[in-house]
Amino acid sequence: MAIPFRRTSKTAKRKRRTHYKLSKPTLVVDPQTGDLVLPHRVSPVTGEYRGNKVVNVKESE
């Protein structure tokens, strides 16, 4: 296996690694509850997706 001729400097290494950052998730407003939820997911509160009941959700006491 080949080894590099020169050591990679701190600046070059950090320039390459600047793109390894986290991105914040996209959130949309749920029309029934007004809560922020991930798009294209079943609402955890109502159990609905695009106006259709998909999952039966237990009501908390």
N, C-alpha and C. Protein backbone atom coordinates (compact mmCIF):
# COMPACT_ATOMS: atom_id res chain seq x y z
N MET A 1 0.84 -1.17 0.00
CA MET A 1 0.00 0.00 0.00
C MET A 1 0.89 1.24 0.00
N ALA A 2 0.54 2.21 -0.83
CA ALA A 2 1.36 3.41 -0.95
C ALA A 2 1.12 4.34 0.24
N ILE A 3 2.17 5.08 0.58
CA ILE A 3 2.04 6.06 1.66
C ILE A 3 2.23 7.46 1.06
N PRO A 4 1.61 8.48 1.66
CA PRO A 4 1.76 9.82 1.11
C PRO A 4 3.18 10.33 1.28
N PHE A 5 3.66 11.08 0.28
CA PHE A 5 5.01 11.62 0.33
C PHE A 5 5.12 12.71 1.39
N ARG A 6 4.09 13.58 1.48
CA ARG A 6 4.09 14.65 2.48
C ARG A 6 2.90 14.49 3.40
N ARG A 7 3.07 14.97 4.60
CA ARG A 7 2.00 14.94 5.58
C ARG A 7 0.92 15.94 5.19
N THR A 8 -0.36 15.58 5.37
CA THR A 8 -1.47 16.49 5.10
C THR A 8 -1.51 17.54 6.21
N SER A 9 -1.52 18.81 5.81
CA SER A 9 -1.51 19.87 6.81
C SER A 9 -2.86 19.97 7.52
N LYS A 10 -2.87 20.63 8.66
CA LYS A 10 -4.11 20.81 9.42
C LYS A 10 -5.13 21.58 8.61
N THR A 11 -4.68 22.60 7.88
CA THR A 11 -5.60 23.43 7.09
C THR A 11 -6.25 22.62 5.98
N ALA A 12 -5.48 21.84 5.25
CA ALA A 12 -6.02 21.04 4.16
C ALA A 12 -7.00 20.00 4.70
N LYS A 13 -6.66 19.41 5.82
CA LYS A 13 -7.52 18.40 6.43
C LYS A 13 -8.84 19.03 6.88
N ARG A 14 -8.78 20.20 7.49
CA ARG A 14 -9.98 20.88 7.98
C ARG A 14 -10.86 21.40 6.83
N LYS A 15 -10.24 21.84 5.73
CA LYS A 15 -11.02 22.26 4.56
C LYS A 15 -11.83 21.10 4.00
N ARG A 16 -11.22 19.93 3.98
CA ARG A 16 -11.92 18.75 3.47
C ARG A 16 -13.05 18.34 4.39
N ARG A 17 -12.85 18.47 5.68
CA ARG A 17 -13.83 18.00 6.65
C ARG A 17 -14.95 19.01 6.95
N THR A 18 -14.93 20.19 6.35
CA THR A 18 -15.97 21.17 6.64
C THR A 18 -17.33 20.72 6.12
N HIS A 19 -17.35 19.78 5.19
CA HIS A 19 -18.61 19.33 4.61
C HIS A 19 -19.24 18.19 5.39
N TYR A 20 -18.63 17.78 6.50
CA TYR A 20 -19.16 16.67 7.29
C TYR A 20 -20.10 17.15 8.38
N LYS A 21 -20.87 18.20 8.13
CA LYS A 21 -21.70 18.74 9.19
C LYS A 21 -23.12 18.18 9.13
N LEU A 22 -23.83 18.29 10.23
CA LEU A 22 -25.20 17.82 10.30
C LEU A 22 -26.12 18.84 9.66
N SER A 23 -27.21 18.34 9.10
CA SER A 23 -28.22 19.24 8.56
C SER A 23 -29.47 19.12 9.43
N LYS A 24 -30.17 20.22 9.60
CA LYS A 24 -31.36 20.17 10.43
C LYS A 24 -32.50 19.54 9.64
N PRO A 25 -33.36 18.77 10.31
CA PRO A 25 -34.43 18.07 9.61
C PRO A 25 -35.49 19.04 9.10
N THR A 26 -36.12 18.66 7.98
CA THR A 26 -37.21 19.45 7.42
C THR A 26 -38.48 19.13 8.21
N LEU A 27 -39.18 20.16 8.64
CA LEU A 27 -40.40 19.97 9.40
C LEU A 27 -41.55 20.69 8.70
N VAL A 28 -42.73 20.10 8.78
CA VAL A 28 -43.94 20.70 8.24
C VAL A 28 -44.98 20.77 9.35
N VAL A 29 -45.96 21.66 9.18
CA VAL A 29 -47.01 21.82 10.18
C VAL A 29 -48.13 20.83 9.89
N ASP A 30 -48.51 20.05 10.91
CA ASP A 30 -49.62 19.11 10.78
C ASP A 30 -50.92 19.90 10.76
N PRO A 31 -51.76 19.74 9.73
CA PRO A 31 -52.97 20.57 9.64
C PRO A 31 -53.99 20.30 10.74
N GLN A 32 -54.04 19.07 11.28
CA GLN A 32 -55.02 18.77 12.32
C GLN A 32 -54.61 19.31 13.69
N THR A 33 -53.35 19.12 14.05
CA THR A 33 -52.90 19.48 15.40
C THR A 33 -52.09 20.76 15.45
N GLY A 34 -51.48 21.15 14.34
CA GLY A 34 -50.64 22.35 14.33
C GLY A 34 -49.22 22.07 14.82
N ASP A 35 -48.90 20.81 15.10
CA ASP A 35 -47.56 20.45 15.56
C ASP A 35 -46.61 20.32 14.39
N LEU A 36 -45.31 20.43 14.65
CA LEU A 36 -44.30 20.22 13.63
C LEU A 36 -43.99 18.72 13.55
N VAL A 37 -44.06 18.16 12.34
CA VAL A 37 -43.79 16.75 12.13
C VAL A 37 -42.91 16.60 10.90
N LEU A 38 -42.27 15.44 10.76
CA LEU A 38 -41.48 15.14 9.58
C LEU A 38 -42.41 14.92 8.39
N PRO A 39 -42.04 15.38 7.20
CA PRO A 39 -42.92 15.19 6.05
C PRO A 39 -42.97 13.73 5.61
N HIS A 40 -44.09 13.33 5.01
CA HIS A 40 -44.32 11.99 4.49
C HIS A 40 -44.26 10.94 5.60
N ARG A 41 -44.73 11.29 6.78
CA ARG A 41 -44.78 10.35 7.90
C ARG A 41 -46.19 10.38 8.50
N VAL A 42 -46.57 9.32 9.16
CA VAL A 42 -47.85 9.27 9.86
C VAL A 42 -47.74 10.15 11.10
N SER A 43 -48.78 10.92 11.35
CA SER A 43 -48.78 11.80 12.53
C SER A 43 -48.83 10.95 13.79
N PRO A 44 -47.89 11.13 14.72
CA PRO A 44 -47.89 10.32 15.94
C PRO A 44 -49.04 10.64 16.88
N VAL A 45 -49.65 11.81 16.74
CA VAL A 45 -50.73 12.22 17.64
C VAL A 45 -52.06 11.68 17.15
N THR A 46 -52.36 11.86 15.85
CA THR A 46 -53.67 11.48 15.32
C THR A 46 -53.66 10.12 14.62
N GLY A 47 -52.52 9.65 14.13
CA GLY A 47 -52.44 8.39 13.41
C GLY A 47 -52.93 8.51 11.98
N GLU A 48 -52.95 9.74 11.45
CA GLU A 48 -53.44 9.97 10.09
C GLU A 48 -52.30 10.32 9.16
N TYR A 49 -52.50 9.98 7.88
CA TYR A 49 -51.56 10.36 6.83
C TYR A 49 -52.37 10.85 5.65
N ARG A 50 -52.17 12.09 5.27
CA ARG A 50 -52.88 12.73 4.16
C ARG A 50 -54.39 12.64 4.31
N GLY A 51 -54.87 12.82 5.56
CA GLY A 51 -56.30 12.83 5.83
C GLY A 51 -56.94 11.47 6.01
N ASN A 52 -56.19 10.40 5.88
CA ASN A 52 -56.72 9.05 6.05
C ASN A 52 -56.21 8.44 7.34
N LYS A 53 -57.11 7.78 8.09
CA LYS A 53 -56.73 7.10 9.32
C LYS A 53 -55.92 5.87 8.98
N VAL A 54 -54.67 5.81 9.43
CA VAL A 54 -53.77 4.71 9.08
C VAL A 54 -53.46 3.84 10.29
N VAL A 55 -53.26 4.47 11.44
CA VAL A 55 -52.84 3.76 12.64
C VAL A 55 -53.79 4.11 13.78
N ASN A 56 -54.17 3.11 14.56
CA ASN A 56 -54.96 3.37 15.77
C ASN A 56 -54.00 3.80 16.86
N VAL A 57 -54.23 4.99 17.41
CA VAL A 57 -53.36 5.55 18.44
C VAL A 57 -54.06 5.45 19.78
N LYS A 58 -53.34 4.92 20.77
CA LYS A 58 -53.90 4.86 22.13
C LYS A 58 -53.90 6.25 22.73
N GLU A 59 -54.99 6.60 23.38
CA GLU A 59 -55.07 7.90 24.04
C GLU A 59 -54.43 7.81 25.42
N SER A 60 -53.57 8.78 25.74
CA SER A 60 -52.92 8.77 27.05
C SER A 60 -53.89 9.28 28.10
N GLU A 61 -53.75 8.73 29.30
CA GLU A 61 -54.66 9.11 30.38
C GLU A 61 -54.17 10.29 31.15
